[in-house]
Amino acid sequence: MATEGDASDGTPLDEIMADIRSELVRRAAEADRDEHREIFDALEDE
């Protein structure tokens, strides 16, 4: 029986779900940067 921590026995669905999670995290981070661009720019200038 496979467990969550056992990546070697992952199913194709597990791999797809991991890809989806990664993409969602990437998009959320990008949206957060865009929303708070002025803060990031100010921090770069310090």
N, C-alpha and C. Protein backbone atom coordinates (compact mmCIF):
# COMPACT_ATOMS: atom_id res chain seq x y z
N MET A 1 0.84 -1.19 0.00
CA MET A 1 0.00 0.00 0.00
C MET A 1 0.88 1.24 0.00
N ALA A 2 0.61 2.17 -0.88
CA ALA A 2 1.40 3.40 -1.01
C ALA A 2 0.96 4.42 0.03
N THR A 3 1.93 5.18 0.49
CA THR A 3 1.64 6.27 1.42
C THR A 3 1.94 7.59 0.74
N GLU A 4 1.52 8.67 1.37
CA GLU A 4 1.73 9.99 0.77
C GLU A 4 3.21 10.31 0.61
N GLY A 5 4.04 9.87 1.52
CA GLY A 5 5.45 10.17 1.46
C GLY A 5 6.24 9.27 0.53
N ASP A 6 5.60 8.27 -0.05
CA ASP A 6 6.27 7.30 -0.90
C ASP A 6 6.14 7.71 -2.36
N ALA A 7 7.07 8.54 -2.83
CA ALA A 7 6.97 9.10 -4.18
C ALA A 7 7.24 8.07 -5.26
N SER A 8 7.99 7.02 -4.95
CA SER A 8 8.34 6.05 -5.99
C SER A 8 7.13 5.23 -6.44
N ASP A 9 6.11 5.14 -5.62
CA ASP A 9 4.91 4.38 -5.97
C ASP A 9 3.76 5.28 -6.39
N GLY A 10 4.06 6.52 -6.76
CA GLY A 10 3.03 7.48 -7.13
C GLY A 10 2.34 7.07 -8.42
N THR A 11 1.08 7.38 -8.49
CA THR A 11 0.30 7.09 -9.68
C THR A 11 0.39 8.27 -10.63
N PRO A 12 0.02 8.09 -11.88
CA PRO A 12 0.00 9.22 -12.80
C PRO A 12 -0.88 10.36 -12.27
N LEU A 13 -1.98 10.01 -11.60
CA LEU A 13 -2.84 11.05 -11.04
C LEU A 13 -2.11 11.85 -9.97
N ASP A 14 -1.30 11.19 -9.14
CA ASP A 14 -0.51 11.89 -8.13
C ASP A 14 0.44 12.89 -8.78
N GLU A 15 1.06 12.47 -9.89
CA GLU A 15 1.99 13.36 -10.58
C GLU A 15 1.26 14.56 -11.16
N ILE A 16 0.09 14.33 -11.73
CA ILE A 16 -0.71 15.43 -12.28
C ILE A 16 -1.13 16.39 -11.18
N MET A 17 -1.57 15.84 -10.06
CA MET A 17 -1.99 16.70 -8.94
C MET A 17 -0.83 17.53 -8.41
N ALA A 18 0.37 16.94 -8.36
CA ALA A 18 1.54 17.68 -7.91
C ALA A 18 1.86 18.82 -8.89
N ASP A 19 1.72 18.55 -10.19
CA ASP A 19 1.95 19.59 -11.19
C ASP A 19 0.94 20.72 -11.04
N ILE A 20 -0.31 20.37 -10.80
CA ILE A 20 -1.37 21.38 -10.63
C ILE A 20 -1.08 22.22 -9.39
N ARG A 21 -0.70 21.57 -8.28
CA ARG A 21 -0.37 22.32 -7.06
C ARG A 21 0.78 23.29 -7.32
N SER A 22 1.81 22.82 -8.00
CA SER A 22 2.96 23.68 -8.28
C SER A 22 2.55 24.89 -9.12
N GLU A 23 1.72 24.66 -10.12
CA GLU A 23 1.26 25.75 -10.98
C GLU A 23 0.40 26.74 -10.19
N LEU A 24 -0.45 26.25 -9.31
CA LEU A 24 -1.28 27.15 -8.50
C LEU A 24 -0.42 28.00 -7.57
N VAL A 25 0.59 27.40 -6.97
CA VAL A 25 1.49 28.15 -6.09
C VAL A 25 2.23 29.21 -6.90
N ARG A 26 2.71 28.85 -8.09
CA ARG A 26 3.42 29.80 -8.94
C ARG A 26 2.53 30.97 -9.32
N ARG A 27 1.28 30.66 -9.70
CA ARG A 27 0.35 31.73 -10.09
C ARG A 27 -0.02 32.61 -8.92
N ALA A 28 -0.20 32.03 -7.74
CA ALA A 28 -0.54 32.82 -6.55
C ALA A 28 0.61 33.75 -6.19
N ALA A 29 1.84 33.25 -6.27
CA ALA A 29 3.01 34.08 -5.97
C ALA A 29 3.14 35.22 -6.98
N GLU A 30 2.92 34.91 -8.24
CA GLU A 30 2.99 35.95 -9.28
C GLU A 30 1.92 37.02 -9.06
N ALA A 31 0.71 36.61 -8.74
CA ALA A 31 -0.37 37.56 -8.51
C ALA A 31 -0.07 38.42 -7.29
N ASP A 32 0.52 37.81 -6.25
CA ASP A 32 0.86 38.56 -5.05
C ASP A 32 1.94 39.59 -5.36
N ARG A 33 2.94 39.20 -6.14
CA ARG A 33 3.99 40.16 -6.53
C ARG A 33 3.39 41.31 -7.32
N ASP A 34 2.51 40.99 -8.26
CA ASP A 34 1.91 42.04 -9.07
C ASP A 34 1.06 42.99 -8.23
N GLU A 35 0.33 42.41 -7.27
CA GLU A 35 -0.55 43.22 -6.42
C GLU A 35 0.25 44.13 -5.50
N HIS A 36 1.42 43.69 -5.10
CA HIS A 36 2.24 44.45 -4.15
C HIS A 36 3.54 44.93 -4.79
N ARG A 37 3.49 45.20 -6.07
CA ARG A 37 4.68 45.59 -6.82
C ARG A 37 5.39 46.79 -6.20
N GLU A 38 4.66 47.78 -5.72
CA GLU A 38 5.30 48.98 -5.16
C GLU A 38 6.13 48.64 -3.93
N ILE A 39 5.70 47.67 -3.16
CA ILE A 39 6.47 47.27 -1.97
C ILE A 39 7.76 46.59 -2.40
N PHE A 40 7.67 45.68 -3.35
CA PHE A 40 8.87 45.00 -3.84
C PHE A 40 9.85 45.99 -4.46
N ASP A 41 9.35 46.94 -5.21
CA ASP A 41 10.22 47.95 -5.82
C ASP A 41 10.89 48.79 -4.75
N ALA A 42 10.16 49.18 -3.72
CA ALA A 42 10.74 49.97 -2.64
C ALA A 42 11.81 49.20 -1.89
N LEU A 43 11.60 47.91 -1.68
CA LEU A 43 12.59 47.10 -0.99
C LEU A 43 13.86 46.95 -1.83
N GLU A 44 13.72 46.86 -3.13
CA GLU A 44 14.89 46.76 -4.00
C GLU A 44 15.73 48.02 -3.96
N ASP A 45 15.08 49.18 -3.76
CA ASP A 45 15.78 50.46 -3.77
C ASP A 45 16.51 50.75 -2.47
N GLU A 46 16.26 49.99 -1.41
CA GLU A 46 16.90 50.26 -0.11
C GLU A 46 18.31 49.77 -0.09
